Amino acid sequence: VVYIAKKMTKEVLVTSISTAVISVILNVIFINAIGAMGAALALVLSFLVMAIWRHFDIKKYVTITFERLLFTKIIMLFAIVISLYYIDDLYINTICLILTTIIAYLLSRSVIAASLGSVIGKLRSIAKR
C-alpha cells in the first residue's frame, strides 16, 4: 500500500520478482528433500523474506511500530502449534486447536472489538436510512 501511495511501483516489481526467484529456488531444494511439505515451507519462507525486505524498505518512508511483546507471543504460539502438529495424536491436536483459538482471540481481541464496532456502526447507519 505504501509503495502504491508513493507511486513506487518499481519497488513492488523488484521485491515480487525477487520473492518469486527465491520461492522457485527453495521449491527445488525443499521438494527434493522433504516432498510436498517442502513446497509449503518454500512459500512461507519466501513470503517471510519479502515481508522483512519490504518492512525495512518502507521504514525509510513511514514510521512503522509494532508491539514487540505481542509479536513475540505470536511467534511463540506459531512455534508451539507447528511442533504439536507433528505429534500424531487426535486428542493433542484437538487440545492444540482449542488452545490456539483461545490464545489467538486473546491476542487480537482489541482488533476484533474495533472491527465489530465498525461493522455495527455501519449497519446502524444503513438501518437509519
N, C-alpha and C. Protein backbone atom coordinates (compact mmCIF):
# COMPACT_ATOMS: atom_id res chain seq x y z
N VAL A 1 0.83 -1.19 0.00
CA VAL A 1 0.00 0.00 0.00
C VAL A 1 0.87 1.25 0.00
N VAL A 2 1.92 1.25 0.80
CA VAL A 2 2.80 2.41 0.86
C VAL A 2 3.49 2.62 -0.47
N TYR A 3 3.94 1.53 -1.10
CA TYR A 3 4.58 1.65 -2.40
C TYR A 3 3.65 2.29 -3.42
N ILE A 4 2.42 1.84 -3.43
CA ILE A 4 1.46 2.35 -4.40
C ILE A 4 1.12 3.81 -4.09
N ALA A 5 0.92 4.13 -2.81
CA ALA A 5 0.58 5.51 -2.44
C ALA A 5 1.71 6.46 -2.80
N LYS A 6 2.95 6.01 -2.71
CA LYS A 6 4.09 6.85 -3.05
C LYS A 6 4.52 6.67 -4.50
N LYS A 7 3.73 5.94 -5.27
CA LYS A 7 3.99 5.68 -6.69
C LYS A 7 5.37 5.07 -6.91
N MET A 8 5.67 4.07 -6.09
CA MET A 8 6.95 3.38 -6.15
C MET A 8 6.73 1.97 -6.69
N THR A 9 6.18 1.87 -7.88
CA THR A 9 5.84 0.56 -8.43
C THR A 9 7.08 -0.26 -8.79
N LYS A 10 8.20 0.40 -9.02
CA LYS A 10 9.44 -0.33 -9.31
C LYS A 10 9.83 -1.21 -8.12
N GLU A 11 9.66 -0.70 -6.90
CA GLU A 11 9.99 -1.49 -5.71
C GLU A 11 9.07 -2.70 -5.58
N VAL A 12 7.80 -2.53 -5.94
CA VAL A 12 6.86 -3.65 -5.91
C VAL A 12 7.34 -4.73 -6.88
N LEU A 13 7.75 -4.30 -8.08
CA LEU A 13 8.24 -5.24 -9.09
C LEU A 13 9.49 -5.96 -8.60
N VAL A 14 10.45 -5.23 -8.07
CA VAL A 14 11.72 -5.81 -7.64
C VAL A 14 11.50 -6.82 -6.51
N THR A 15 10.72 -6.44 -5.49
CA THR A 15 10.51 -7.36 -4.37
C THR A 15 9.68 -8.58 -4.79
N SER A 16 8.71 -8.38 -5.66
CA SER A 16 7.88 -9.50 -6.10
C SER A 16 8.67 -10.50 -6.94
N ILE A 17 9.46 -9.99 -7.89
CA ILE A 17 10.24 -10.90 -8.73
C ILE A 17 11.32 -11.60 -7.91
N SER A 18 11.96 -10.87 -7.00
CA SER A 18 12.97 -11.48 -6.14
C SER A 18 12.36 -12.58 -5.29
N THR A 19 11.18 -12.33 -4.76
CA THR A 19 10.49 -13.34 -3.95
C THR A 19 10.13 -14.56 -4.80
N ALA A 20 9.72 -14.34 -6.04
CA ALA A 20 9.39 -15.45 -6.92
C ALA A 20 10.63 -16.31 -7.21
N VAL A 21 11.76 -15.66 -7.44
CA VAL A 21 13.01 -16.39 -7.69
C VAL A 21 13.41 -17.19 -6.45
N ILE A 22 13.33 -16.55 -5.28
CA ILE A 22 13.66 -17.25 -4.03
C ILE A 22 12.73 -18.44 -3.85
N SER A 23 11.45 -18.26 -4.15
CA SER A 23 10.47 -19.34 -3.99
C SER A 23 10.79 -20.52 -4.91
N VAL A 24 11.16 -20.24 -6.14
CA VAL A 24 11.49 -21.32 -7.08
C VAL A 24 12.72 -22.09 -6.60
N ILE A 25 13.75 -21.35 -6.17
CA ILE A 25 14.97 -22.00 -5.69
C ILE A 25 14.67 -22.87 -4.46
N LEU A 26 13.93 -22.30 -3.51
CA LEU A 26 13.59 -23.07 -2.30
C LEU A 26 12.69 -24.26 -2.62
N ASN A 27 11.79 -24.10 -3.60
CA ASN A 27 10.94 -25.23 -4.01
C ASN A 27 11.79 -26.38 -4.53
N VAL A 28 12.75 -26.08 -5.37
CA VAL A 28 13.61 -27.13 -5.92
C VAL A 28 14.36 -27.84 -4.79
N ILE A 29 14.88 -27.06 -3.85
CA ILE A 29 15.64 -27.64 -2.74
C ILE A 29 14.75 -28.46 -1.82
N PHE A 30 13.65 -27.84 -1.36
CA PHE A 30 12.82 -28.48 -0.33
C PHE A 30 11.95 -29.61 -0.87
N ILE A 31 11.45 -29.50 -2.08
CA ILE A 31 10.62 -30.58 -2.62
C ILE A 31 11.47 -31.84 -2.80
N ASN A 32 12.70 -31.66 -3.25
CA ASN A 32 13.60 -32.82 -3.38
C ASN A 32 13.94 -33.41 -2.02
N ALA A 33 14.01 -32.56 -0.99
CA ALA A 33 14.42 -33.04 0.33
C ALA A 33 13.26 -33.61 1.13
N ILE A 34 12.10 -32.91 1.17
CA ILE A 34 11.02 -33.36 2.07
C ILE A 34 9.66 -33.51 1.39
N GLY A 35 9.62 -33.43 0.08
CA GLY A 35 8.38 -33.70 -0.63
C GLY A 35 7.43 -32.51 -0.67
N ALA A 36 6.14 -32.82 -0.65
CA ALA A 36 5.11 -31.80 -0.82
C ALA A 36 5.13 -30.72 0.26
N MET A 37 5.49 -31.10 1.47
CA MET A 37 5.59 -30.10 2.54
C MET A 37 6.68 -29.08 2.23
N GLY A 38 7.64 -29.47 1.42
CA GLY A 38 8.70 -28.56 1.02
C GLY A 38 8.17 -27.38 0.24
N ALA A 39 7.14 -27.61 -0.57
CA ALA A 39 6.54 -26.51 -1.34
C ALA A 39 5.90 -25.49 -0.40
N ALA A 40 5.22 -25.97 0.60
CA ALA A 40 4.60 -25.06 1.57
C ALA A 40 5.66 -24.29 2.35
N LEU A 41 6.70 -24.99 2.77
CA LEU A 41 7.78 -24.35 3.51
C LEU A 41 8.49 -23.30 2.65
N ALA A 42 8.72 -23.62 1.39
CA ALA A 42 9.36 -22.67 0.47
C ALA A 42 8.51 -21.42 0.30
N LEU A 43 7.22 -21.59 0.19
CA LEU A 43 6.32 -20.45 0.03
C LEU A 43 6.33 -19.57 1.27
N VAL A 44 6.25 -20.19 2.44
CA VAL A 44 6.26 -19.42 3.69
C VAL A 44 7.57 -18.66 3.84
N LEU A 45 8.68 -19.32 3.59
CA LEU A 45 9.97 -18.66 3.74
C LEU A 45 10.17 -17.53 2.73
N SER A 46 9.73 -17.74 1.50
CA SER A 46 9.90 -16.67 0.50
C SER A 46 9.02 -15.47 0.83
N PHE A 47 7.81 -15.69 1.31
CA PHE A 47 6.97 -14.57 1.71
C PHE A 47 7.51 -13.88 2.96
N LEU A 48 8.13 -14.64 3.85
CA LEU A 48 8.77 -14.04 5.02
C LEU A 48 9.92 -13.13 4.60
N VAL A 49 10.71 -13.59 3.64
CA VAL A 49 11.80 -12.75 3.12
C VAL A 49 11.23 -11.47 2.53
N MET A 50 10.15 -11.58 1.75
CA MET A 50 9.55 -10.40 1.15
C MET A 50 9.00 -9.45 2.22
N ALA A 51 8.35 -9.99 3.23
CA ALA A 51 7.79 -9.15 4.29
C ALA A 51 8.89 -8.40 5.03
N ILE A 52 9.98 -9.10 5.35
CA ILE A 52 11.09 -8.45 6.05
C ILE A 52 11.74 -7.39 5.16
N TRP A 53 11.97 -7.74 3.90
CA TRP A 53 12.57 -6.81 2.95
C TRP A 53 11.71 -5.55 2.83
N ARG A 54 10.41 -5.72 2.60
CA ARG A 54 9.52 -4.56 2.46
C ARG A 54 9.41 -3.77 3.75
N HIS A 55 9.44 -4.45 4.88
CA HIS A 55 9.37 -3.75 6.16
C HIS A 55 10.52 -2.76 6.29
N PHE A 56 11.73 -3.24 6.05
CA PHE A 56 12.89 -2.35 6.19
C PHE A 56 12.95 -1.30 5.10
N ASP A 57 12.47 -1.63 3.91
CA ASP A 57 12.45 -0.65 2.83
C ASP A 57 11.42 0.45 3.09
N ILE A 58 10.26 0.07 3.57
CA ILE A 58 9.19 1.05 3.82
C ILE A 58 9.51 1.93 5.02
N LYS A 59 10.31 1.41 5.97
CA LYS A 59 10.68 2.22 7.13
C LYS A 59 11.44 3.49 6.73
N LYS A 60 11.99 3.53 5.52
CA LYS A 60 12.66 4.73 5.04
C LYS A 60 11.67 5.85 4.80
N TYR A 61 10.41 5.50 4.55
CA TYR A 61 9.40 6.48 4.15
C TYR A 61 8.34 6.76 5.19
N VAL A 62 8.00 5.77 6.00
CA VAL A 62 6.98 5.94 7.04
C VAL A 62 7.47 5.28 8.33
N THR A 63 6.91 5.73 9.44
CA THR A 63 7.25 5.14 10.73
C THR A 63 6.37 3.92 10.96
N ILE A 64 7.01 2.81 11.23
CA ILE A 64 6.28 1.57 11.50
C ILE A 64 6.58 1.16 12.93
N THR A 65 5.53 0.97 13.69
CA THR A 65 5.70 0.49 15.06
C THR A 65 4.86 -0.76 15.27
N PHE A 66 5.33 -1.62 16.12
CA PHE A 66 4.55 -2.80 16.49
C PHE A 66 4.92 -3.16 17.92
N GLU A 67 4.02 -3.86 18.55
CA GLU A 67 4.24 -4.27 19.93
C GLU A 67 5.14 -5.50 19.94
N ARG A 68 6.34 -5.33 20.47
CA ARG A 68 7.30 -6.44 20.47
C ARG A 68 6.80 -7.62 21.29
N LEU A 69 6.15 -7.35 22.41
CA LEU A 69 5.65 -8.44 23.25
C LEU A 69 4.59 -9.25 22.50
N LEU A 70 3.66 -8.57 21.84
CA LEU A 70 2.63 -9.25 21.07
C LEU A 70 3.26 -10.06 19.94
N PHE A 71 4.21 -9.46 19.25
CA PHE A 71 4.89 -10.14 18.16
C PHE A 71 5.59 -11.39 18.66
N THR A 72 6.26 -11.30 19.80
CA THR A 72 6.95 -12.44 20.40
C THR A 72 5.96 -13.54 20.77
N LYS A 73 4.83 -13.14 21.35
CA LYS A 73 3.80 -14.14 21.72
C LYS A 73 3.28 -14.87 20.49
N ILE A 74 3.06 -14.14 19.41
CA ILE A 74 2.55 -14.76 18.18
C ILE A 74 3.57 -15.74 17.61
N ILE A 75 4.84 -15.35 17.60
CA ILE A 75 5.89 -16.24 17.09
C ILE A 75 5.98 -17.50 17.96
N MET A 76 5.91 -17.34 19.28
CA MET A 76 5.95 -18.49 20.18
C MET A 76 4.75 -19.40 19.95
N LEU A 77 3.57 -18.83 19.80
CA LEU A 77 2.36 -19.61 19.53
C LEU A 77 2.53 -20.39 18.22
N PHE A 78 3.05 -19.74 17.20
CA PHE A 78 3.28 -20.39 15.91
C PHE A 78 4.23 -21.57 16.08
N ALA A 79 5.32 -21.38 16.81
CA ALA A 79 6.30 -22.45 17.01
C ALA A 79 5.69 -23.63 17.75
N ILE A 80 4.88 -23.34 18.76
CA ILE A 80 4.23 -24.40 19.53
C ILE A 80 3.25 -25.18 18.66
N VAL A 81 2.45 -24.47 17.89
CA VAL A 81 1.46 -25.13 17.03
C VAL A 81 2.15 -26.00 16.00
N ILE A 82 3.20 -25.48 15.38
CA ILE A 82 3.92 -26.28 14.39
C ILE A 82 4.54 -27.52 15.04
N SER A 83 5.10 -27.37 16.22
CA SER A 83 5.69 -28.51 16.92
C SER A 83 4.63 -29.56 17.26
N LEU A 84 3.50 -29.13 17.78
CA LEU A 84 2.45 -30.06 18.17
C LEU A 84 1.76 -30.71 16.96
N TYR A 85 1.82 -30.05 15.82
CA TYR A 85 1.20 -30.60 14.62
C TYR A 85 1.81 -31.97 14.26
N TYR A 86 3.08 -32.11 14.51
CA TYR A 86 3.77 -33.34 14.11
C TYR A 86 3.59 -34.47 15.12
N ILE A 87 2.93 -34.22 16.23
CA ILE A 87 2.58 -35.29 17.15
C ILE A 87 1.28 -35.89 16.62
N ASP A 88 1.33 -37.13 16.24
CA ASP A 88 0.19 -37.75 15.56
C ASP A 88 -0.79 -38.32 16.58
N ASP A 89 -1.46 -37.42 17.31
CA ASP A 89 -2.43 -37.83 18.32
C ASP A 89 -3.65 -36.92 18.20
N LEU A 90 -4.80 -37.51 17.98
CA LEU A 90 -6.02 -36.74 17.77
C LEU A 90 -6.35 -35.86 18.97
N TYR A 91 -6.19 -36.38 20.17
CA TYR A 91 -6.53 -35.61 21.37
C TYR A 91 -5.61 -34.41 21.56
N ILE A 92 -4.32 -34.61 21.36
CA ILE A 92 -3.37 -33.50 21.49
C ILE A 92 -3.64 -32.46 20.41
N ASN A 93 -3.92 -32.90 19.19
CA ASN A 93 -4.22 -31.94 18.11
C ASN A 93 -5.51 -31.18 18.39
N THR A 94 -6.51 -31.85 18.96
CA THR A 94 -7.77 -31.17 19.30
C THR A 94 -7.55 -30.14 20.40
N ILE A 95 -6.81 -30.51 21.43
CA ILE A 95 -6.50 -29.56 22.51
C ILE A 95 -5.68 -28.40 21.96
N CYS A 96 -4.74 -28.69 21.09
CA CYS A 96 -3.91 -27.64 20.48
C CYS A 96 -4.78 -26.67 19.68
N LEU A 97 -5.74 -27.19 18.93
CA LEU A 97 -6.63 -26.34 18.15
C LEU A 97 -7.46 -25.44 19.05
N ILE A 98 -7.99 -26.00 20.12
CA ILE A 98 -8.81 -25.21 21.06
C ILE A 98 -7.96 -24.14 21.73
N LEU A 99 -6.78 -24.51 22.23
CA LEU A 99 -5.90 -23.55 22.89
C LEU A 99 -5.42 -22.46 21.92
N THR A 100 -5.11 -22.85 20.71
CA THR A 100 -4.67 -21.87 19.72
C THR A 100 -5.77 -20.87 19.42
N THR A 101 -6.98 -21.35 19.29
CA THR A 101 -8.11 -20.46 19.03
C THR A 101 -8.30 -19.48 20.18
N ILE A 102 -8.25 -19.98 21.40
CA ILE A 102 -8.41 -19.12 22.58
C ILE A 102 -7.29 -18.10 22.65
N ILE A 103 -6.05 -18.54 22.48
CA ILE A 103 -4.92 -17.61 22.57
C ILE A 103 -4.95 -16.59 21.45
N ALA A 104 -5.29 -17.03 20.24
CA ALA A 104 -5.38 -16.08 19.12
C ALA A 104 -6.45 -15.03 19.40
N TYR A 105 -7.56 -15.45 19.96
CA TYR A 105 -8.61 -14.49 20.32
C TYR A 105 -8.10 -13.51 21.37
N LEU A 106 -7.45 -14.02 22.41
CA LEU A 106 -6.95 -13.16 23.48
C LEU A 106 -5.92 -12.16 22.96
N LEU A 107 -5.07 -12.60 22.04
CA LEU A 107 -4.04 -11.72 21.50
C LEU A 107 -4.62 -10.64 20.58
N SER A 108 -5.75 -10.94 19.95
CA SER A 108 -6.27 -9.98 18.97
C SER A 108 -7.66 -9.45 19.32
N ARG A 109 -8.05 -9.54 20.58
CA ARG A 109 -9.40 -9.11 20.93
C ARG A 109 -9.63 -7.62 20.70
N SER A 110 -8.60 -6.79 20.83
CA SER A 110 -8.80 -5.36 20.57
C SER A 110 -9.08 -5.12 19.08
N VAL A 111 -8.41 -5.87 18.21
CA VAL A 111 -8.66 -5.75 16.78
C VAL A 111 -10.06 -6.25 16.45
N ILE A 112 -10.44 -7.36 17.06
CA ILE A 112 -11.79 -7.90 16.82
C ILE A 112 -12.85 -6.92 17.31
N ALA A 113 -12.64 -6.34 18.50
CA ALA A 113 -13.61 -5.39 19.04
C ALA A 113 -13.73 -4.15 18.15
N ALA A 114 -12.61 -3.64 17.66
CA ALA A 114 -12.64 -2.47 16.78
C ALA A 114 -13.34 -2.80 15.47
N SER A 115 -13.07 -3.98 14.93
CA SER A 115 -13.71 -4.39 13.67
C SER A 115 -15.21 -4.55 13.84
N LEU A 116 -15.61 -5.23 14.93
CA LEU A 116 -17.04 -5.40 15.18
C LEU A 116 -17.72 -4.06 15.40
N GLY A 117 -17.05 -3.16 16.14
CA GLY A 117 -17.61 -1.83 16.36
C GLY A 117 -17.83 -1.09 15.06
N SER A 118 -16.88 -1.21 14.15
CA SER A 118 -17.00 -0.55 12.85
C SER A 118 -18.15 -1.14 12.04
N VAL A 119 -18.26 -2.47 12.04
CA VAL A 119 -19.33 -3.13 11.29
C VAL A 119 -20.70 -2.77 11.88
N ILE A 120 -20.80 -2.80 13.20
CA ILE A 120 -22.07 -2.45 13.85
C ILE A 120 -22.44 -1.01 13.57
N GLY A 121 -21.46 -0.12 13.61
CA GLY A 121 -21.73 1.29 13.30
C GLY A 121 -22.24 1.47 11.89
N LYS A 122 -21.65 0.77 10.94
CA LYS A 122 -22.10 0.87 9.55
C LYS A 122 -23.50 0.27 9.38
N LEU A 123 -23.76 -0.84 10.06
CA LEU A 123 -25.09 -1.44 9.98
C LEU A 123 -26.15 -0.50 10.55
N ARG A 124 -25.81 0.18 11.65
CA ARG A 124 -26.76 1.13 12.24
C ARG A 124 -27.02 2.29 11.31
N SER A 125 -25.97 2.78 10.64
CA SER A 125 -26.18 3.90 9.72
C SER A 125 -27.00 3.49 8.52
N ILE A 126 -26.84 2.24 8.08
CA ILE A 126 -27.65 1.73 6.96
C ILE A 126 -29.10 1.57 7.42
N ALA A 127 -29.30 1.09 8.65
CA ALA A 127 -30.65 0.86 9.17
C ALA A 127 -31.41 2.18 9.35
N LYS A 128 -30.70 3.27 9.62
CA LYS A 128 -31.36 4.57 9.82
C LYS A 128 -31.86 5.16 8.51
N ARG A 129 -31.36 4.72 7.39
CA ARG A 129 -31.76 5.26 6.09
C ARG A 129 -33.15 4.95 5.75
